[in-house]
PDB file of N, CA and C in Angstrom:
ATOM      1  N   MET A   1     -15.216 -75.032  20.665  1.00  0.00           N
ATOM      2  CA  MET A   1     -15.568 -74.119  19.601  1.00  0.00           C
ATOM      3  C   MET A   1     -16.505 -73.033  20.120  1.00  0.00           C
ATOM      4  N   THR A   2     -17.466 -73.379  20.926  1.00  0.00           N
ATOM      5  CA  THR A   2     -18.389 -72.378  21.460  1.00  0.00           C
ATOM      6  C   THR A   2     -17.673 -71.463  22.437  1.00  0.00           C
ATOM      7  N   PHE A   3     -16.675 -72.003  23.155  1.00  0.00           N
ATOM      8  CA  PHE A   3     -15.900 -71.164  24.073  1.00  0.00           C
ATOM      9  C   PHE A   3     -15.119 -70.110  23.286  1.00  0.00           C
ATOM     10  N   GLN A   4     -14.570 -70.493  22.138  1.00  0.00           N
ATOM     11  CA  GLN A   4     -13.828 -69.545  21.310  1.00  0.00           C
ATOM     12  C   GLN A   4     -14.752 -68.455  20.762  1.00  0.00           C
ATOM     13  N   LYS A   5     -15.966 -68.816  20.349  1.00  0.00           N
ATOM     14  CA  LYS A   5     -16.920 -67.825  19.859  1.00  0.00           C
ATOM     15  C   LYS A   5     -17.321 -66.876  20.977  1.00  0.00           C
ATOM     16  N   LEU A   6     -17.600 -67.429  22.159  1.00  0.00           N
ATOM     17  CA  LEU A   6     -17.990 -66.614  23.306  1.00  0.00           C
ATOM     18  C   LEU A   6     -16.850 -65.686  23.709  1.00  0.00           C
ATOM     19  N   PHE A   7     -15.632 -66.205  23.704  1.00  0.00           N
ATOM     20  CA  PHE A   7     -14.467 -65.385  24.053  1.00  0.00           C
ATOM     21  C   PHE A   7     -14.255 -64.273  23.025  1.00  0.00           C
ATOM     22  N   SER A   8     -14.388 -64.572  21.736  1.00  0.00           N
ATOM     23  CA  SER A   8     -14.189 -63.549  20.701  1.00  0.00           C
ATOM     24  C   SER A   8     -15.283 -62.484  20.761  1.00  0.00           C
ATOM     25  N   ILE A   9     -16.503 -62.871  21.086  1.00  0.00           N
ATOM     26  CA  ILE A   9     -17.591 -61.893  21.219  1.00  0.00           C
ATOM     27  C   ILE A   9     -17.328 -60.983  22.409  1.00  0.00           C
ATOM     28  N   LEU A  10     -16.916 -61.549  23.542  1.00  0.00           N
ATOM     29  CA  LEU A  10     -16.615 -60.742  24.727  1.00  0.00           C
ATOM     30  C   LEU A  10     -15.404 -59.838  24.483  1.00  0.00           C
ATOM     31  N   ALA A  11     -14.399 -60.343  23.803  1.00  0.00           N
ATOM     32  CA  ALA A  11     -13.219 -59.534  23.504  1.00  0.00           C
ATOM     33  C   ALA A  11     -13.587 -58.379  22.568  1.00  0.00           C
ATOM     34  N   SER A  12     -14.399 -58.647  21.568  1.00  0.00           N
ATOM     35  CA  SER A  12     -14.841 -57.589  20.650  1.00  0.00           C
ATOM     36  C   SER A  12     -15.672 -56.547  21.384  1.00  0.00           C
ATOM     37  N   PHE A  13     -16.566 -57.007  22.255  1.00  0.00           N
ATOM     38  CA  PHE A  13     -17.401 -56.088  23.028  1.00  0.00           C
ATOM     39  C   PHE A  13     -16.537 -55.208  23.928  1.00  0.00           C
ATOM     40  N   ALA A  14     -15.555 -55.790  24.597  1.00  0.00           N
ATOM     41  CA  ALA A  14     -14.667 -55.020  25.470  1.00  0.00           C
ATOM     42  C   ALA A  14     -13.834 -54.031  24.649  1.00  0.00           C
ATOM     43  N   PHE A  15     -13.391 -54.471  23.493  1.00  0.00           N
ATOM     44  CA  PHE A  15     -12.604 -53.601  22.619  1.00  0.00           C
ATOM     45  C   PHE A  15     -13.410 -52.362  22.222  1.00  0.00           C
ATOM     46  N   PHE A  16     -14.650 -52.573  21.774  1.00  0.00           N
ATOM     47  CA  PHE A  16     -15.500 -51.450  21.383  1.00  0.00           C
ATOM     48  C   PHE A  16     -15.928 -50.616  22.580  1.00  0.00           C
ATOM     49  N   LEU A  17     -16.081 -51.237  23.722  1.00  0.00           N
ATOM     50  CA  LEU A  17     -16.485 -50.522  24.927  1.00  0.00           C
ATOM     51  C   LEU A  17     -15.415 -49.513  25.345  1.00  0.00           C
ATOM     52  N   PHE A  18     -14.151 -49.881  25.196  1.00  0.00           N
ATOM     53  CA  PHE A  18     -13.069 -48.979  25.594  1.00  0.00           C
ATOM     54  C   PHE A  18     -12.729 -47.939  24.516  1.00  0.00           C
ATOM     55  N   LEU A  19     -12.883 -48.291  23.250  1.00  0.00           N
ATOM     56  CA  LEU A  19     -12.498 -47.370  22.184  1.00  0.00           C
ATOM     57  C   LEU A  19     -13.635 -46.492  21.670  1.00  0.00           C
ATOM     58  N   ALA A  20     -14.871 -46.908  21.823  1.00  0.00           N
ATOM     59  CA  ALA A  20     -15.994 -46.125  21.304  1.00  0.00           C
ATOM     60  C   ALA A  20     -16.068 -44.725  21.911  1.00  0.00           C
ATOM     61  N   PRO A  21     -15.877 -44.541  23.228  1.00  0.00           N
ATOM     62  CA  PRO A  21     -15.947 -43.173  23.760  1.00  0.00           C
ATOM     63  C   PRO A  21     -14.897 -42.246  23.148  1.00  0.00           C
ATOM     64  N   GLN A  22     -13.714 -42.766  22.863  1.00  0.00           N
ATOM     65  CA  GLN A  22     -12.682 -41.930  22.255  1.00  0.00           C
ATOM     66  C   GLN A  22     -13.068 -41.521  20.835  1.00  0.00           C
ATOM     67  N   PHE A  23     -13.635 -42.449  20.070  1.00  0.00           N
ATOM     68  CA  PHE A  23     -14.064 -42.113  18.718  1.00  0.00           C
ATOM     69  C   PHE A  23     -15.206 -41.107  18.737  1.00  0.00           C
ATOM     70  N   LEU A  24     -16.158 -41.302  19.629  1.00  0.00           N
ATOM     71  CA  LEU A  24     -17.295 -40.391  19.698  1.00  0.00           C
ATOM     72  C   LEU A  24     -16.862 -39.005  20.158  1.00  0.00           C
ATOM     73  N   GLU A  25     -15.952 -38.951  21.110  1.00  0.00           N
ATOM     74  CA  GLU A  25     -15.474 -37.661  21.599  1.00  0.00           C
ATOM     75  C   GLU A  25     -14.706 -36.926  20.508  1.00  0.00           C
ATOM     76  N   ALA A  26     -13.885 -37.634  19.779  1.00  0.00           N
ATOM     77  CA  ALA A  26     -13.114 -37.007  18.705  1.00  0.00           C
ATOM     78  C   ALA A  26     -14.030 -36.522  17.589  1.00  0.00           C
ATOM     79  N   ALA A  27     -15.096 -37.252  17.316  1.00  0.00           N
ATOM     80  CA  ALA A  27     -16.017 -36.851  16.256  1.00  0.00           C
ATOM     81  C   ALA A  27     -16.849 -35.644  16.660  1.00  0.00           C
ATOM     82  N   SER A  28     -17.140 -35.500  17.944  1.00  0.00           N
ATOM     83  CA  SER A  28     -17.990 -34.398  18.381  1.00  0.00           C
ATOM     84  C   SER A  28     -17.231 -33.087  18.503  1.00  0.00           C
ATOM     85  N   GLU A  29     -15.912 -33.147  18.619  1.00  0.00           N
ATOM     86  CA  GLU A  29     -15.131 -31.920  18.715  1.00  0.00           C
ATOM     87  C   GLU A  29     -15.128 -31.211  17.371  1.00  0.00           C
ATOM     88  N   GLU A  30     -15.304 -29.906  17.423  1.00  0.00           N
ATOM     89  CA  GLU A  30     -15.254 -29.134  16.192  1.00  0.00           C
ATOM     90  C   GLU A  30     -13.798 -28.884  15.828  1.00  0.00           C
ATOM     91  N   ILE A  31     -13.545 -28.887  14.563  1.00  0.00           N
ATOM     92  CA  ILE A  31     -12.199 -28.587  14.095  1.00  0.00           C
ATOM     93  C   ILE A  31     -12.027 -27.080  14.171  1.00  0.00           C
ATOM     94  N   PRO A  32     -11.043 -26.607  14.923  1.00  0.00           N
ATOM     95  CA  PRO A  32     -10.882 -25.155  15.051  1.00  0.00           C
ATOM     96  C   PRO A  32     -10.471 -24.534  13.725  1.00  0.00           C
ATOM     97  N   GLN A  33     -11.131 -23.444  13.379  1.00  0.00           N
ATOM     98  CA  GLN A  33     -10.798 -22.717  12.161  1.00  0.00           C
ATOM     99  C   GLN A  33      -9.671 -21.746  12.479  1.00  0.00           C
ATOM    100  N   VAL A  34      -8.557 -21.940  11.853  1.00  0.00           N
ATOM    101  CA  VAL A  34      -7.412 -21.072  12.078  1.00  0.00           C
ATOM    102  C   VAL A  34      -7.518 -19.907  11.110  1.00  0.00           C
ATOM    103  N   LYS A  35      -7.661 -18.726  11.658  1.00  0.00           N
ATOM    104  CA  LYS A  35      -7.753 -17.531  10.828  1.00  0.00           C
ATOM    105  C   LYS A  35      -6.400 -16.843  10.840  1.00  0.00           C
ATOM    106  N   ALA A  36      -5.840 -16.715   9.675  1.00  0.00           N
ATOM    107  CA  ALA A  36      -4.543 -16.049   9.583  1.00  0.00           C
ATOM    108  C   ALA A  36      -4.744 -14.559   9.812  1.00  0.00           C
ATOM    109  N   GLU A  37      -4.101 -14.063  10.812  1.00  0.00           N
ATOM    110  CA  GLU A  37      -4.224 -12.649  11.109  1.00  0.00           C
ATOM    111  C   GLU A  37      -3.064 -11.910  10.468  1.00  0.00           C
ATOM    112  N   LYS A  38      -3.391 -10.732   9.959  1.00  0.00           N
ATOM    113  CA  LYS A  38      -2.351  -9.913   9.360  1.00  0.00           C
ATOM    114  C   LYS A  38      -1.472  -9.332  10.450  1.00  0.00           C
ATOM    115  N   LYS A  39      -0.212  -9.254  10.155  1.00  0.00           N
ATOM    116  CA  LYS A  39       0.712  -8.577  11.057  1.00  0.00           C
ATOM    117  C   LYS A  39       0.517  -7.088  10.860  1.00  0.00           C
ATOM    118  N   LEU A  40       0.412  -6.353  11.952  1.00  0.00           N
ATOM    119  CA  LEU A  40       0.306  -4.902  11.870  1.00  0.00           C
ATOM    120  C   LEU A  40       1.696  -4.300  11.954  1.00  0.00           C
ATOM    121  N   TYR A  41       1.987  -3.399  11.047  1.00  0.00           N
ATOM    122  CA  TYR A  41       3.284  -2.746  10.975  1.00  0.00           C
ATOM    123  C   TYR A  41       3.149  -1.295  11.416  1.00  0.00           C
ATOM    124  N   THR A  42       4.250  -0.718  11.872  1.00  0.00           N
ATOM    125  CA  THR A  42       4.312   0.731  12.009  1.00  0.00           C
ATOM    126  C   THR A  42       4.705   1.280  10.642  1.00  0.00           C
ATOM    127  N   VAL A  43       4.540   2.573  10.443  1.00  0.00           N
ATOM    128  CA  VAL A  43       4.866   3.168   9.148  1.00  0.00           C
ATOM    129  C   VAL A  43       6.341   2.956   8.815  1.00  0.00           C
ATOM    130  N   ILE A  44       7.197   3.242   9.775  1.00  0.00           N
ATOM    131  CA  ILE A  44       8.638   3.115   9.535  1.00  0.00           C
ATOM    132  C   ILE A  44       9.019   1.660   9.287  1.00  0.00           C
ATOM    133  N   GLU A  45       8.449   0.757  10.058  1.00  0.00           N
ATOM    134  CA  GLU A  45       8.743  -0.665   9.887  1.00  0.00           C
ATOM    135  C   GLU A  45       8.301  -1.145   8.502  1.00  0.00           C
ATOM    136  N   PHE A  46       7.111  -0.723   8.071  1.00  0.00           N
ATOM    137  CA  PHE A  46       6.603  -1.136   6.768  1.00  0.00           C
ATOM    138  C   PHE A  46       7.502  -0.618   5.647  1.00  0.00           C
ATOM    139  N   GLU A  47       7.828   0.668   5.710  1.00  0.00           N
ATOM    140  CA  GLU A  47       8.649   1.257   4.646  1.00  0.00           C
ATOM    141  C   GLU A  47      10.055   0.666   4.615  1.00  0.00           C
ATOM    142  N   SER A  48      10.656   0.481   5.781  1.00  0.00           N
ATOM    143  CA  SER A  48      12.015  -0.061   5.793  1.00  0.00           C
ATOM    144  C   SER A  48      12.045  -1.532   5.388  1.00  0.00           C
ATOM    145  N   THR A  49      10.963  -2.251   5.643  1.00  0.00           N
ATOM    146  CA  THR A  49      10.914  -3.671   5.289  1.00  0.00           C
ATOM    147  C   THR A  49      10.673  -3.878   3.800  1.00  0.00           C
ATOM    148  N   PHE A  50       9.794  -3.076   3.210  1.00  0.00           N
ATOM    149  CA  PHE A  50       9.337  -3.380   1.853  1.00  0.00           C
ATOM    150  C   PHE A  50       9.829  -2.427   0.766  1.00  0.00           C
ATOM    151  N   MET A  51      10.480  -1.331   1.102  1.00  0.00           N
ATOM    152  CA  MET A  51      10.958  -0.410   0.072  1.00  0.00           C
ATOM    153  C   MET A  51      12.028  -1.087  -0.788  1.00  0.00           C
ATOM    154  N   ASN A  52      11.908  -0.954  -2.090  1.00  0.00           N
ATOM    155  CA  ASN A  52      12.835  -1.485  -3.089  1.00  0.00           C
ATOM    156  C   ASN A  52      12.833  -3.016  -3.161  1.00  0.00           C
ATOM    157  N   LYS A  53      11.774  -3.655  -2.655  1.00  0.00           N
ATOM    158  CA  LYS A  53      11.658  -5.118  -2.753  1.00  0.00           C
ATOM    159  C   LYS A  53      10.957  -5.492  -4.052  1.00  0.00           C
ATOM    160  N   ARG A  54      11.184  -6.708  -4.517  1.00  0.00           N
ATOM    161  CA  ARG A  54      10.532  -7.208  -5.722  1.00  0.00           C
ATOM    162  C   ARG A  54       9.099  -7.618  -5.405  1.00  0.00           C
ATOM    163  N   LYS A  55       8.266  -7.684  -6.462  1.00  0.00           N
ATOM    164  CA  LYS A  55       6.864  -8.085  -6.305  1.00  0.00           C
ATOM    165  C   LYS A  55       6.751  -9.455  -5.646  1.00  0.00           C
ATOM    166  N   GLU A  56       7.615 -10.371  -6.045  1.00  0.00           N
ATOM    167  CA  GLU A  56       7.560 -11.731  -5.509  1.00  0.00           C
ATOM    168  C   GLU A  56       7.787 -11.737  -4.000  1.00  0.00           C
ATOM    169  N   ASP A  57       8.700 -10.880  -3.536  1.00  0.00           N
ATOM    170  CA  ASP A  57       8.973 -10.799  -2.101  1.00  0.00           C
ATOM    171  C   ASP A  57       7.777 -10.231  -1.348  1.00  0.00           C
ATOM    172  N   ILE A  58       7.106  -9.251  -1.956  1.00  0.00           N
ATOM    173  CA  ILE A  58       5.917  -8.660  -1.338  1.00  0.00           C
ATOM    174  C   ILE A  58       4.805  -9.699  -1.260  1.00  0.00           C
ATOM    175  N   LEU A  59       4.592 -10.441  -2.343  1.00  0.00           N
ATOM    176  CA  LEU A  59       3.559 -11.482  -2.340  1.00  0.00           C
ATOM    177  C   LEU A  59       3.843 -12.542  -1.288  1.00  0.00           C
ATOM    178  N   LYS A  60       5.087 -12.917  -1.158  1.00  0.00           N
ATOM    179  CA  LYS A  60       5.451 -13.936  -0.176  1.00  0.00           C
ATOM    180  C   LYS A  60       5.204 -13.438   1.248  1.00  0.00           C
ATOM    181  N   ALA A  61       5.527 -12.184   1.514  1.00  0.00           N
ATOM    182  CA  ALA A  61       5.409 -11.641   2.865  1.00  0.00           C
ATOM    183  C   ALA A  61       3.985 -11.231   3.220  1.00  0.00           C
ATOM    184  N   LEU A  62       3.263 -10.622   2.283  1.00  0.00           N
ATOM    185  CA  LEU A  62       1.950 -10.049   2.592  1.00  0.00           C
ATOM    186  C   LEU A  62       0.778 -10.780   1.946  1.00  0.00           C
ATOM    187  N   GLY A  63       1.057 -11.636   0.981  1.00  0.00           N
ATOM    188  CA  GLY A  63      -0.034 -12.306   0.280  1.00  0.00           C
ATOM    189  C   GLY A  63      -0.605 -11.414  -0.816  1.00  0.00           C
ATOM    190  N   GLU A  64      -1.727 -11.845  -1.370  1.00  0.00           N
ATOM    191  CA  GLU A  64      -2.373 -11.077  -2.437  1.00  0.00           C
ATOM    192  C   GLU A  64      -2.886  -9.751  -1.896  1.00  0.00           C
ATOM    193  N   PRO A  65      -2.757  -8.679  -2.670  1.00  0.00           N
ATOM    194  CA  PRO A  65      -3.267  -7.383  -2.216  1.00  0.00           C
ATOM    195  C   PRO A  65      -4.789  -7.359  -2.231  1.00  0.00           C
ATOM    196  N   ASP A  66      -5.353  -6.431  -1.459  1.00  0.00           N
ATOM    197  CA  ASP A  66      -6.804  -6.281  -1.432  1.00  0.00           C
ATOM    198  C   ASP A  66      -7.319  -5.650  -2.721  1.00  0.00           C
ATOM    199  N   SER A  67      -6.501  -4.838  -3.373  1.00  0.00           N
ATOM    200  CA  SER A  67      -6.874  -4.288  -4.679  1.00  0.00           C
ATOM    201  C   SER A  67      -5.612  -3.952  -5.467  1.00  0.00           C
ATOM    202  N   LYS A  68      -5.781  -3.948  -6.798  1.00  0.00           N
ATOM    203  CA  LYS A  68      -4.689  -3.584  -7.708  1.00  0.00           C
ATOM    204  C   LYS A  68      -5.206  -2.499  -8.640  1.00  0.00           C
ATOM    205  N   ASN A  69      -4.403  -1.449  -8.833  1.00  0.00           N
ATOM    206  CA  ASN A  69      -4.769  -0.335  -9.705  1.00  0.00           C
ATOM    207  C   ASN A  69      -3.570   0.080 -10.534  1.00  0.00           C
ATOM    208  N   LYS A  70      -3.814   0.998 -11.463  1.00  0.00           N
ATOM    209  CA  LYS A  70      -2.737   1.620 -12.239  1.00  0.00           C
ATOM    210  C   LYS A  70      -2.783   3.115 -11.966  1.00  0.00           C
ATOM    211  N   THR A  71      -1.643   3.692 -11.610  1.00  0.00           N
ATOM    212  CA  THR A  71      -1.505   5.128 -11.405  1.00  0.00           C
ATOM    213  C   THR A  71      -0.243   5.568 -12.130  1.00  0.00           C
ATOM    214  N   GLN A  72      -0.361   6.571 -12.965  1.00  0.00           N
ATOM    215  CA  GLN A  72       0.773   7.070 -13.742  1.00  0.00           C
ATOM    216  C   GLN A  72       1.451   5.935 -14.516  1.00  0.00           C
ATOM    217  N   ASN A  73       0.641   5.035 -15.053  1.00  0.00           N
ATOM    218  CA  ASN A  73       1.118   3.865 -15.805  1.00  0.00           C
ATOM    219  C   ASN A  73       2.007   2.947 -14.973  1.00  0.00           C
ATOM    220  N   LYS A  74       1.856   2.997 -13.670  1.00  0.00           N
ATOM    221  CA  LYS A  74       2.595   2.105 -12.776  1.00  0.00           C
ATOM    222  C   LYS A  74       1.594   1.331 -11.933  1.00  0.00           C
ATOM    223  N   GLU A  75       1.954   0.103 -11.623  1.00  0.00           N
ATOM    224  CA  GLU A  75       1.066  -0.759 -10.859  1.00  0.00           C
ATOM    225  C   GLU A  75       1.080  -0.364  -9.386  1.00  0.00           C
ATOM    226  N   VAL A  76      -0.125  -0.298  -8.785  1.00  0.00           N
ATOM    227  CA  VAL A  76      -0.267   0.048  -7.372  1.00  0.00           C
ATOM    228  C   VAL A  76      -1.078  -1.045  -6.693  1.00  0.00           C
ATOM    229  N   TRP A  77      -0.530  -1.598  -5.621  1.00  0.00           N
ATOM    230  CA  TRP A  77      -1.234  -2.580  -4.805  1.00  0.00           C
ATOM    231  C   TRP A  77      -1.642  -1.925  -3.506  1.00  0.00           C
ATOM    232  N   LYS A  78      -2.841  -2.265  -3.040  1.00  0.00           N
ATOM    233  CA  LYS A  78      -3.342  -1.696  -1.796  1.00  0.00           C
ATOM    234  C   LYS A  78      -3.635  -2.823  -0.808  1.00  0.00           C
ATOM    235  N   TYR A  79      -3.093  -2.682   0.397  1.00  0.00           N
ATOM    236  CA  TYR A  79      -3.363  -3.601   1.500  1.00  0.00           C
ATOM    237  C   TYR A  79      -4.157  -2.834   2.548  1.00  0.00           C
ATOM    238  N   ASN A  80      -5.341  -3.341   2.875  1.00  0.00           N
ATOM    239  CA  ASN A  80      -6.228  -2.649   3.801  1.00  0.00           C
ATOM    240  C   ASN A  80      -5.839  -2.897   5.254  1.00  0.00           C
ATOM    241  N   GLN A  81      -5.841  -1.830   6.023  1.00  0.00           N
ATOM    242  CA  GLN A  81      -5.652  -1.855   7.477  1.00  0.00           C
ATOM    243  C   GLN A  81      -4.468  -2.727   7.892  1.00  0.00           C
ATOM    244  N   ILE A  82      -3.305  -2.383   7.393  1.00  0.00           N
ATOM    245  CA  ILE A  82      -2.107  -3.167   7.684  1.00  0.00           C
ATOM    246  C   ILE A  82      -1.080  -2.370   8.482  1.00  0.00           C
ATOM    247  N   VAL A  83      -1.277  -1.045   8.567  1.00  0.00           N
ATOM    248  CA  VAL A  83      -0.352  -0.181   9.295  1.00  0.00           C
ATOM    249  C   VAL A  83      -1.098   0.485  10.439  1.00  0.00           C
ATOM    250  N   LYS A  84      -0.475   0.467  11.615  1.00  0.00           N
ATOM    251  CA  LYS A  84      -1.074   1.119  12.778  1.00  0.00           C
ATOM    252  C   LYS A  84      -0.225   2.327  13.147  1.00  0.00           C
ATOM    253  N   ASP A  85      -0.884   3.481  13.180  1.00  0.00           N
ATOM    254  CA  ASP A  85      -0.200   4.719  13.521  1.00  0.00           C
ATOM    255  C   ASP A  85      -1.210   5.666  14.158  1.00  0.00           C
ATOM    256  N   VAL A  86      -0.807   6.363  15.170  1.00  0.00           N
ATOM    257  CA  VAL A  86      -1.633   7.323  15.899  1.00  0.00           C
ATOM    258  C   VAL A  86      -2.927   6.650  16.372  1.00  0.00           C
ATOM    259  N   GLY A  87      -2.831   5.409  16.796  1.00  0.00           N
ATOM    260  CA  GLY A  87      -3.977   4.688  17.336  1.00  0.00           C
ATOM    261  C   GLY A  87      -5.010   4.271  16.307  1.00  0.00           C
ATOM    262  N   LYS A  88      -4.711   4.409  15.032  1.00  0.00           N
ATOM    263  CA  LYS A  88      -5.644   4.028  13.972  1.00  0.00           C
ATOM    264  C   LYS A  88      -4.983   3.027  13.036  1.00  0.00           C
ATOM    265  N   LEU A  89      -5.829   2.270  12.348  1.00  0.00           N
ATOM    266  CA  LEU A  89      -5.351   1.360  11.309  1.00  0.00           C
ATOM    267  C   LEU A  89      -5.458   2.069   9.964  1.00  0.00           C
ATOM    268  N   TRP A  90      -4.431   1.959   9.159  1.00  0.00           N
ATOM    269  CA  TRP A  90      -4.361   2.648   7.879  1.00  0.00           C
ATOM    270  C   TRP A  90      -4.191   1.648   6.749  1.00  0.00           C
ATOM    271  N   ASP A  91      -4.696   2.037   5.570  1.00  0.00           N
ATOM    272  CA  ASP A  91      -4.448   1.271   4.352  1.00  0.00           C
ATOM    273  C   ASP A  91      -3.085   1.679   3.809  1.00  0.00           C
ATOM    274  N   GLN A  92      -2.406   0.735   3.199  1.00  0.00           N
ATOM    275  CA  GLN A  92      -1.069   1.015   2.679  1.00  0.00           C
ATOM    276  C   GLN A  92      -1.050   0.754   1.178  1.00  0.00           C
ATOM    277  N   ASN A  93      -0.553   1.708   0.424  1.00  0.00           N
ATOM    278  CA  ASN A  93      -0.419   1.599  -1.028  1.00  0.00           C
ATOM    279  C   ASN A  93       1.043   1.392  -1.385  1.00  0.00           C
ATOM    280  N   ILE A  94       1.282   0.508  -2.342  1.00  0.00           N
ATOM    281  CA  ILE A  94       2.642   0.220  -2.794  1.00  0.00           C
ATOM    282  C   ILE A  94       2.680   0.410  -4.306  1.00  0.00           C
ATOM    283  N   MET A  95       3.540   1.300  -4.784  1.00  0.00           N
ATOM    284  CA  MET A  95       3.696   1.527  -6.219  1.00  0.00           C
ATOM    285  C   MET A  95       4.963   0.829  -6.706  1.00  0.00           C
ATOM    286  N   PHE A  96       4.818   0.112  -7.820  1.00  0.00           N
ATOM    287  CA  PHE A  96       5.942  -0.618  -8.400  1.00  0.00           C
ATOM    288  C   PHE A  96       6.452   0.104  -9.640  1.00  0.00           C
ATOM    289  N   ASP A  97       7.754   0.093  -9.808  1.00  0.00           N
ATOM    290  CA  ASP A  97       8.394   0.616 -11.009  1.00  0.00           C
ATOM    291  C   ASP A  97       9.505  -0.362 -11.376  1.00  0.00           C
ATOM    292  N   PHE A  98       9.439  -0.894 -12.580  1.00  0.00           N
ATOM    293  CA  PHE A  98      10.394  -1.907 -13.043  1.00  0.00           C
ATOM    294  C   PHE A  98      10.416  -3.129 -12.121  1.00  0.00           C
ATOM    295  N   GLY A  99       9.234  -3.514 -11.615  1.00  0.00           N
ATOM    296  CA  GLY A  99       9.111  -4.726 -10.817  1.00  0.00           C
ATOM    297  C   GLY A  99       9.547  -4.609  -9.370  1.00  0.00           C
ATOM    298  N   ARG A 100       9.903  -3.403  -8.935  1.00  0.00           N
ATOM    299  CA  ARG A 100      10.326  -3.193  -7.547  1.00  0.00           C
ATOM    300  C   ARG A 100       9.496  -2.082  -6.920  1.00  0.00           C
ATOM    301  N   VAL A 101       9.418  -2.112  -5.584  1.00  0.00           N
ATOM    302  CA  VAL A 101       8.683  -1.073  -4.867  1.00  0.00           C
ATOM    303  C   VAL A 101       9.427   0.244  -5.042  1.00  0.00           C
ATOM    304  N   ASN A 102       8.705   1.243  -5.531  1.00  0.00           N
ATOM    305  CA  ASN A 102       9.300   2.545  -5.793  1.00  0.00           C
ATOM    306  C   ASN A 102       8.760   3.609  -4.840  1.00  0.00           C
ATOM    307  N   TYR A 103       7.502   3.457  -4.411  1.00  0.00           N
ATOM    308  CA  TYR A 103       6.876   4.485  -3.590  1.00  0.00           C
ATOM    309  C   TYR A 103       5.822   3.824  -2.711  1.00  0.00           C
ATOM    310  N   ILE A 104       5.735   4.271  -1.452  1.00  0.00           N
ATOM    311  CA  ILE A 104       4.766   3.736  -0.497  1.00  0.00           C
ATOM    312  C   ILE A 104       4.063   4.916   0.163  1.00  0.00           C
ATOM    313  N   TRP A 105       2.731   4.830   0.276  1.00  0.00           N
ATOM    314  CA  TRP A 105       2.000   5.859   1.005  1.00  0.00           C
ATOM    315  C   TRP A 105       0.787   5.252   1.697  1.00  0.00           C
ATOM    316  N   SER A 106       0.306   5.963   2.714  1.00  0.00           N
ATOM    317  CA  SER A 106      -0.822   5.497   3.523  1.00  0.00           C
ATOM    318  C   SER A 106      -2.078   6.279   3.180  1.00  0.00           C
ATOM    319  N   ASP A 107      -3.220   5.624   3.311  1.00  0.00           N
ATOM    320  CA  ASP A 107      -4.539   6.236   3.170  1.00  0.00           C
ATOM    321  C   ASP A 107      -5.347   5.914   4.406  1.00  0.00           C
ATOM    322  N   GLN A 108      -6.298   6.783   4.707  1.00  0.00           N
ATOM    323  CA  GLN A 108      -7.240   6.420   5.751  1.00  0.00           C
ATOM    324  C   GLN A 108      -8.084   5.277   5.221  1.00  0.00           C
ATOM    325  N   PRO A 109      -8.440   4.344   6.086  1.00  0.00           N
ATOM    326  CA  PRO A 109      -9.228   3.208   5.604  1.00  0.00           C
ATOM    327  C   PRO A 109     -10.594   3.664   5.114  1.00  0.00           C
ATOM    328  N   SER A 110     -11.032   3.073   4.021  1.00  0.00           N
ATOM    329  CA  SER A 110     -12.352   3.398   3.496  1.00  0.00           C
ATOM    330  C   SER A 110     -13.409   2.735   4.363  1.00  0.00           C
ATOM    331  N   LEU A 111     -14.568   3.354   4.447  1.00  0.00           N
ATOM    332  CA  LEU A 111     -15.650   2.801   5.259  1.00  0.00           C
ATOM    333  C   LEU A 111     -16.191   1.559   4.588  1.00  0.00           C
ATOM    334  N   ARG A 112     -16.360   0.507   5.392  1.00  0.00           N
ATOM    335  CA  ARG A 112     -16.861  -0.754   4.852  1.00  0.00           C
ATOM    336  C   ARG A 112     -18.173  -1.075   5.478  1.00  0.00           C
TER     337      ARG A 112
END
């Protein structure tokens, strides 16, 4: 009986001796924060991809807009710094008419 207790104590000690470093190492590692980066489009690529698309398709592809406004009683969504042209990043505005993209234009990015 004492041999079984001694054997179980040694087996438990060996088990923890081999597995403890792995647990401690895994606990000390930081979980990397994955930052979703926006895809940068060219002007032509953006317009050809999203012109005449439905709102749902835009939301699926680009996510929530940075701002929403009304212009001429039509909804306008603005995505900041999503188009690259002439070595600069531009804001892109999308105007919807009857639930589809009707007009797209670029703005210089506002100072933040």
